[in-house]
Protein backbone atom coordinates (compact mmCIF):
# COMPACT_ATOMS: atom_id res chain seq x y z
CA MET A 1 33.68 -43.04 -11.93
CA SER A 2 30.71 -44.64 -10.65
CA HIS A 3 26.99 -44.21 -11.84
CA ASP A 4 25.43 -41.59 -9.29
CA PRO A 5 27.95 -41.93 -6.52
CA TRP A 6 27.35 -38.68 -4.61
CA PRO A 7 25.43 -38.51 -1.47
CA ALA A 8 22.21 -36.65 -1.94
CA SER A 9 22.63 -34.55 1.51
CA SER A 10 25.85 -32.87 0.00
CA PRO A 11 25.09 -29.68 -2.04
CA TRP A 12 28.64 -29.53 -2.97
CA LEU A 13 29.02 -33.72 -3.54
CA SER A 14 25.45 -34.56 -4.59
CA ARG A 15 24.57 -35.32 -7.98
CA ARG A 16 20.85 -34.97 -7.27
CA GLY A 17 21.26 -31.87 -5.30
CA LEU A 18 23.48 -30.35 -7.66
CA LEU A 19 21.18 -30.88 -10.36
CA ALA A 20 18.19 -29.62 -8.39
CA SER A 21 20.01 -26.29 -7.76
CA PHE A 22 20.79 -26.06 -11.64
CA ALA A 23 17.09 -26.64 -12.37
CA ALA A 24 16.59 -23.06 -13.10
CA VAL A 25 19.21 -22.95 -15.71
CA ALA A 26 17.77 -23.07 -18.87
CA ILE A 27 19.08 -25.61 -21.52
CA SER A 28 19.28 -24.28 -25.02
CA SER A 29 19.03 -26.92 -27.64
CA SER A 30 20.66 -24.92 -30.44
CA MET A 31 23.90 -26.80 -30.23
CA ALA A 32 22.22 -29.84 -30.65
CA THR A 33 19.72 -29.01 -33.15
CA SER A 34 22.16 -27.29 -35.43
CA LEU A 35 23.29 -31.03 -36.39
CA CYS A 36 19.97 -31.38 -37.96
CA ALA A 37 19.50 -28.19 -39.12
CA GLU A 38 22.19 -28.04 -41.62
CA ASP A 39 21.41 -29.46 -45.16
CA ALA A 40 25.07 -30.77 -45.78
CA ARG A 41 25.48 -32.17 -42.39
CA PRO A 42 27.49 -35.09 -42.07
CA SER A 43 25.93 -38.51 -41.67
CA GLY A 44 26.94 -42.23 -40.38
CA LYS A 45 30.39 -42.78 -39.33
CA ASP A 46 31.49 -39.11 -40.43
CA ARG A 47 28.86 -37.72 -38.26
CA ASP A 48 29.98 -39.89 -35.33
CA GLU A 49 33.63 -38.31 -35.84
CA VAL A 50 32.19 -34.77 -36.12
CA LEU A 51 30.24 -35.43 -32.66
CA LYS A 52 33.54 -36.97 -31.06
CA VAL A 53 35.56 -33.99 -32.03
CA ARG A 54 33.08 -31.54 -31.02
CA ARG A 55 32.30 -33.09 -27.42
CA PHE A 56 36.14 -33.23 -26.75
CA GLU A 57 36.58 -29.91 -27.70
CA LEU A 58 33.74 -28.81 -25.19
CA MET A 59 35.47 -30.75 -22.44
CA GLU A 60 38.74 -28.98 -23.51
CA SER A 61 37.08 -25.53 -23.29
CA ARG A 62 35.90 -26.37 -19.66
CA VAL A 63 39.24 -27.52 -18.41
CA ALA A 64 41.25 -24.34 -19.99
CA ALA A 65 38.72 -22.09 -18.17
CA LEU A 66 39.75 -23.62 -14.60
CA THR A 67 41.98 -21.05 -12.74
CA ILE A 68 44.61 -22.43 -10.29
CA GLU A 69 46.28 -20.47 -7.43
CA SER A 70 48.98 -21.62 -4.93
CA ALA A 71 51.61 -19.75 -2.76
CA GLU A 72 54.22 -22.42 -3.65
CA ALA A 73 56.72 -21.12 -6.12
CA GLY A 74 56.61 -22.92 -9.77
CA PHE A 75 52.90 -24.45 -8.75
CA PRO A 76 51.32 -25.27 -12.30
CA SER A 77 49.08 -22.68 -13.10
CA GLN A 78 46.89 -24.78 -15.61
CA PHE A 79 46.03 -28.33 -16.07
CA ALA A 80 47.91 -30.06 -19.28
CA SER A 81 46.61 -29.31 -22.52
CA LYS A 82 45.82 -32.92 -23.50
CA PRO A 83 44.14 -35.56 -21.06
CA ILE A 84 46.30 -38.39 -20.11
CA PHE A 85 43.23 -40.77 -20.95
CA LYS A 86 39.89 -40.77 -23.18
CA TYR A 87 36.83 -43.15 -22.47
CA SER A 88 33.25 -43.59 -22.46
CA ASP A 89 30.71 -45.49 -20.73
CA PRO A 90 27.57 -45.97 -22.87
CA ALA A 91 26.04 -48.16 -20.16
CA ARG A 92 26.24 -45.17 -17.55
CA GLY A 93 25.10 -42.56 -19.83
CA TYR A 94 28.46 -41.16 -20.40
CA VAL A 95 29.09 -40.39 -24.29
CA ALA A 96 32.67 -38.82 -23.62
CA ALA A 97 34.87 -38.52 -20.85
CA SER A 98 38.49 -37.66 -20.15
CA VAL A 99 41.21 -37.41 -17.19
CA TRP A 100 43.71 -34.46 -17.15
CA LYS A 101 46.61 -34.11 -14.70
CA LEU A 102 47.92 -31.05 -13.16
CA GLY A 103 51.74 -30.50 -13.65
CA ASP A 104 54.06 -31.51 -16.21
CA GLN A 105 56.88 -32.05 -14.24
CA GLY A 106 57.28 -34.74 -11.49
CA ARG A 107 54.07 -36.60 -9.93
CA PRO A 108 51.31 -34.51 -11.12
CA LYS A 109 49.25 -32.36 -8.26
CA ALA A 110 45.87 -33.42 -9.23
CA LEU A 111 43.74 -35.37 -11.49
CA LEU A 112 40.64 -34.39 -13.03
CA ALA A 113 37.90 -36.32 -14.52
CA VAL A 114 35.54 -34.65 -16.96
CA GLU A 115 32.34 -36.46 -18.13
CA LEU A 116 29.51 -35.65 -20.26
CA ASP A 117 26.54 -37.25 -19.12
CA ARG A 118 23.55 -37.69 -21.79
CA ASN A 119 20.43 -38.72 -19.52
CA THR A 120 21.23 -39.96 -16.27
CA TYR A 121 18.91 -37.12 -14.89
CA GLY A 122 16.98 -36.67 -17.65
CA LYS A 123 19.17 -33.82 -19.37
CA PRO A 124 22.58 -33.21 -20.56
CA CYS A 125 24.85 -32.62 -17.96
CA ILE A 126 28.80 -32.35 -17.26
CA SER A 127 30.51 -33.66 -14.33
CA TYR A 128 33.90 -32.72 -12.72
CA GLU A 129 35.45 -35.04 -10.21
CA ARG A 130 38.77 -33.94 -8.57
CA SER A 131 41.61 -35.89 -6.61
CA SER A 132 44.64 -34.21 -5.05
CA LEU A 133 47.68 -35.93 -5.19
CA THR A 134 49.65 -33.26 -2.97
CA GLU A 135 49.84 -32.14 0.56
CA THR A 136 50.74 -28.60 -0.69
CA PRO A 137 47.73 -26.32 -0.51
CA PHE A 138 46.00 -24.71 -3.55
CA THR A 139 42.80 -23.65 -5.30
CA THR A 140 41.00 -24.29 -8.36
CA SER A 141 38.04 -22.24 -9.61
CA VAL A 142 35.62 -22.94 -12.58
CA GLU A 143 31.96 -21.92 -13.05
CA GLY A 144 31.89 -20.33 -9.61
CA VAL A 145 32.75 -23.87 -7.89
CA VAL A 146 35.93 -23.33 -5.80
CA TRP A 147 38.14 -26.56 -4.78
CA SER A 148 40.73 -25.93 -2.33
CA PRO A 149 41.78 -29.67 -1.08
CA LYS A 150 43.19 -30.20 2.69
CA GLY A 151 46.06 -32.81 1.77
CA THR A 152 45.63 -35.82 -0.64
CA GLN A 153 43.94 -39.46 -0.17
CA TYR A 154 47.48 -40.66 -1.36
CA GLN A 155 49.73 -42.45 1.04
CA PHE A 156 52.69 -44.09 -0.15
CA LYS A 157 53.59 -47.52 1.38
CA PRO A 158 56.34 -50.09 0.46
CA LEU A 159 55.62 -52.60 -2.06
CA PRO A 160 56.29 -56.05 -0.45
CA GLY A 161 58.49 -58.50 -2.27
CA ALA A 162 59.73 -55.88 -4.95
CA PRO A 163 63.04 -55.85 -6.70
CA VAL A 164 65.50 -53.21 -6.65
CA PRO A 165 64.95 -50.65 -9.18
CA ALA A 166 66.28 -51.33 -12.38
CA LYS A 167 68.97 -49.28 -14.07
CA THR A 168 67.14 -48.12 -17.28
CA PRO A 169 63.81 -46.31 -17.56
CA GLN A 170 62.83 -49.34 -20.15
CA LEU A 171 63.83 -52.05 -17.32
CA ARG A 172 61.89 -49.96 -14.68
CA LEU A 173 58.70 -49.91 -16.91
CA ILE A 174 58.62 -53.58 -17.19
CA GLN A 175 59.24 -53.84 -13.26
CA MET A 176 56.27 -51.28 -12.60
CA ARG A 177 53.74 -53.35 -15.16
CA SER A 178 54.87 -56.39 -13.22
CA LEU A 179 54.23 -55.06 -9.84
CA ALA A 180 50.86 -53.57 -11.12
CA ASN A 181 49.89 -57.05 -12.27
CA ARG A 182 50.16 -58.19 -8.65
CA PHE A 183 47.19 -55.95 -7.68
CA ALA A 184 43.52 -56.48 -7.96
CA SER A 185 40.68 -54.21 -7.31
CA SER A 186 37.09 -54.13 -7.00
CA GLU A 187 34.15 -52.10 -5.96
CA VAL A 188 30.54 -52.12 -4.73
CA VAL A 189 27.92 -50.13 -6.30
CA ARG A 190 24.26 -50.08 -5.08
CA LYS A 191 25.07 -53.47 -3.40
CA GLU A 192 26.66 -55.20 -6.32
CA LYS A 193 30.12 -55.92 -6.21
CA CYS A 194 31.92 -55.24 -9.58
CA GLU A 195 35.40 -56.57 -10.33
CA LEU A 196 37.72 -53.91 -12.01
CA ARG A 197 40.13 -54.15 -14.77
CA LEU A 198 43.73 -53.18 -14.58
CA LEU A 199 44.75 -51.20 -17.76
CA PRO A 200 47.77 -53.18 -19.12
CA GLN A 201 49.94 -50.18 -19.62
CA PRO A 202 50.48 -47.06 -17.40
CA VAL A 203 48.25 -43.82 -18.28
CA ASP A 204 51.05 -41.32 -17.28
CA ARG A 205 54.80 -41.75 -16.58
CA TYR A 206 56.81 -39.31 -14.34
CA THR A 207 59.85 -38.65 -12.28
CA PRO A 208 59.18 -38.14 -8.70
CA ALA A 209 62.79 -37.10 -7.42
CA GLU A 210 66.07 -36.36 -8.87
CA ALA A 211 67.70 -39.64 -7.38
CA GLU A 212 69.17 -41.81 -10.09
CA ARG A 213 66.72 -44.76 -10.94
CA ALA A 214 63.62 -42.56 -9.41
CA ASP A 215 60.84 -43.52 -11.73
CA GLY A 216 57.02 -43.29 -11.39
CA ALA A 217 53.95 -44.51 -13.35
CA ILE A 218 50.10 -43.89 -13.02
CA PHE A 219 47.79 -47.05 -13.47
CA PHE A 220 43.98 -47.16 -13.88
CA PHE A 221 41.65 -50.04 -12.78
CA THR A 222 38.68 -49.53 -14.58
CA PHE A 223 34.83 -50.61 -15.07
CA GLY A 224 35.32 -51.25 -18.56
CA THR A 225 36.97 -48.39 -19.80
CA ASN A 226 35.81 -45.87 -16.75
CA PRO A 227 38.51 -45.30 -14.55
CA GLU A 228 37.50 -46.18 -10.85
CA VAL A 229 40.79 -46.69 -8.85
CA VAL A 230 44.04 -45.01 -9.34
CA LEU A 231 47.39 -46.99 -8.64
CA LEU A 232 50.42 -45.14 -8.43
CA ILE A 233 53.85 -47.09 -8.51
CA GLU A 234 57.20 -44.99 -7.45
CA SER A 235 60.71 -45.74 -6.94
CA ASP A 236 62.95 -43.06 -4.83
CA GLY A 237 66.04 -44.69 -6.60
CA GLU A 238 66.24 -47.42 -3.78
CA ARG A 239 62.76 -49.29 -3.42
CA TRP A 240 59.47 -49.33 -4.77
CA GLU A 241 56.39 -48.15 -3.09
CA PHE A 242 52.60 -47.70 -3.89
CA ALA A 243 49.75 -45.55 -3.22
CA ALA A 244 45.93 -45.64 -4.29
CA GLY A 245 43.07 -43.29 -4.42
CA ARG A 246 39.75 -42.99 -5.66
CA MET A 247 37.94 -42.06 -8.59
CA THR A 248 34.65 -43.29 -7.86
CA GLY A 249 31.60 -42.53 -5.38
CA ALA A 250 31.03 -46.37 -4.64
CA GLN A 251 30.01 -47.60 -1.32
CA GLU A 252 32.99 -49.59 -1.03
CA VAL A 253 36.38 -49.77 -2.86
CA VAL A 254 39.49 -51.95 -2.16
CA LEU A 255 42.85 -52.79 -3.74
CA THR A 256 44.64 -56.07 -2.81
CA ILE A 257 47.98 -57.39 -3.60
CA ASP A 258 48.69 -61.14 -3.63
CA ASN A 259 45.02 -61.58 -2.36
CA THR A 260 45.84 -59.65 0.63
CA ILE A 261 43.86 -55.83 1.04
CA VAL A 262 46.56 -53.41 1.37
CA TRP A 263 44.17 -50.35 0.51
CA THR A 264 40.34 -49.39 1.34
CA GLY A 265 38.80 -46.49 0.00
CA PRO A 266 38.21 -43.75 2.54
CA PRO A 267 34.83 -42.52 3.34
CA LEU A 268 33.72 -39.89 0.72
CA GLN A 269 34.04 -36.29 2.59
CA GLU A 270 31.84 -33.47 1.71
CA GLY A 271 32.52 -30.06 0.76
CA GLY A 272 35.22 -27.91 -1.67
CA ASP A 273 38.26 -29.01 0.69
CA SER A 274 37.85 -32.59 0.50
CA PRO A 275 40.87 -34.31 -1.21
CA PHE A 276 38.51 -36.47 -3.70
CA THR A 277 35.32 -34.72 -4.71
CA GLY A 278 33.10 -33.58 -7.63
CA ASN A 279 30.14 -31.52 -8.90
CA ILE A 280 27.66 -31.58 -12.04
CA LYS A 281 25.95 -29.21 -14.08
CA ALA A 282 23.66 -28.98 -16.82
CA ILE A 283 24.90 -28.45 -20.30
CA GLU A 284 24.57 -28.40 -23.71
CA ILE A 285 26.17 -31.74 -25.45
CA PRO A 286 26.49 -31.73 -29.23
CA GLY A 287 24.20 -34.34 -30.67
CA ILE A 288 21.98 -34.85 -27.61
CA ALA A 289 18.49 -33.40 -27.30
CA ALA A 290 17.46 -31.44 -24.16
CA ASP A 291 15.76 -34.40 -22.84
CA GLY A 292 18.87 -36.53 -22.97
CA SER A 293 17.93 -38.33 -26.26
CA GLU A 294 20.16 -38.61 -29.12
CA ILE A 295 19.16 -36.41 -32.19
CA GLY A 296 18.69 -38.46 -35.43
CA GLU A 297 20.49 -37.97 -38.35
């Protein structure tokens, strides 16, 4: 997720606009100051581990609070209990972050990125970035923010020059990793081009269909460890396909295969029905003061 990606004109997408709307929310520092007030508080690496756990528990509780509704029978009613990926991005002010999937069977229905932002806007905040991976209508809601995506940004295309899917899951994983390595990705943030890095291992593996040799995996292209582009590689049992989607608000984002552009990130769409969108809210972050500074030991 890119630094300050959202257009300021959108009340749903704008990081600045959303933070302004929450300006009236009082930010209590009780959670943070408790770390300083305890006589027997941990220090050094032990303190870092305590903060790491508490920050993850904070994200975990917010994900668990999401409600999900769909008319489709068997549609998942909550995000997975554990994230598929954890990361941080100190350069951009994110002290902890995680990506969660919706659905344990088949291709996930959605991805949710949750980031704890210490001081980009002068105060601690939590951001949610949502991406739909399905055409099936559904609605999520948390803290008064409703998301009902119309469709998905992921459109599958044949993967040129791909071999026939292998017989075993182990060999198909090798194939998917080899196919993923043919891709490259970059983004433009504030007129600066950033080359993204493909993580060597998929962050999730799934079976997209009942056919023999059907297989699928989710790969991330990252800035540091921060996911910016999602690459799906799937087999229907007979051939390999790919699809890509944003996890960034960058002005431009592209994906190439063998040095040929095969996907360009669609323009950001405003509103709670966008296939990819997000919002930000002020929050208390353990170990971070109300002004965004780190509380000393």
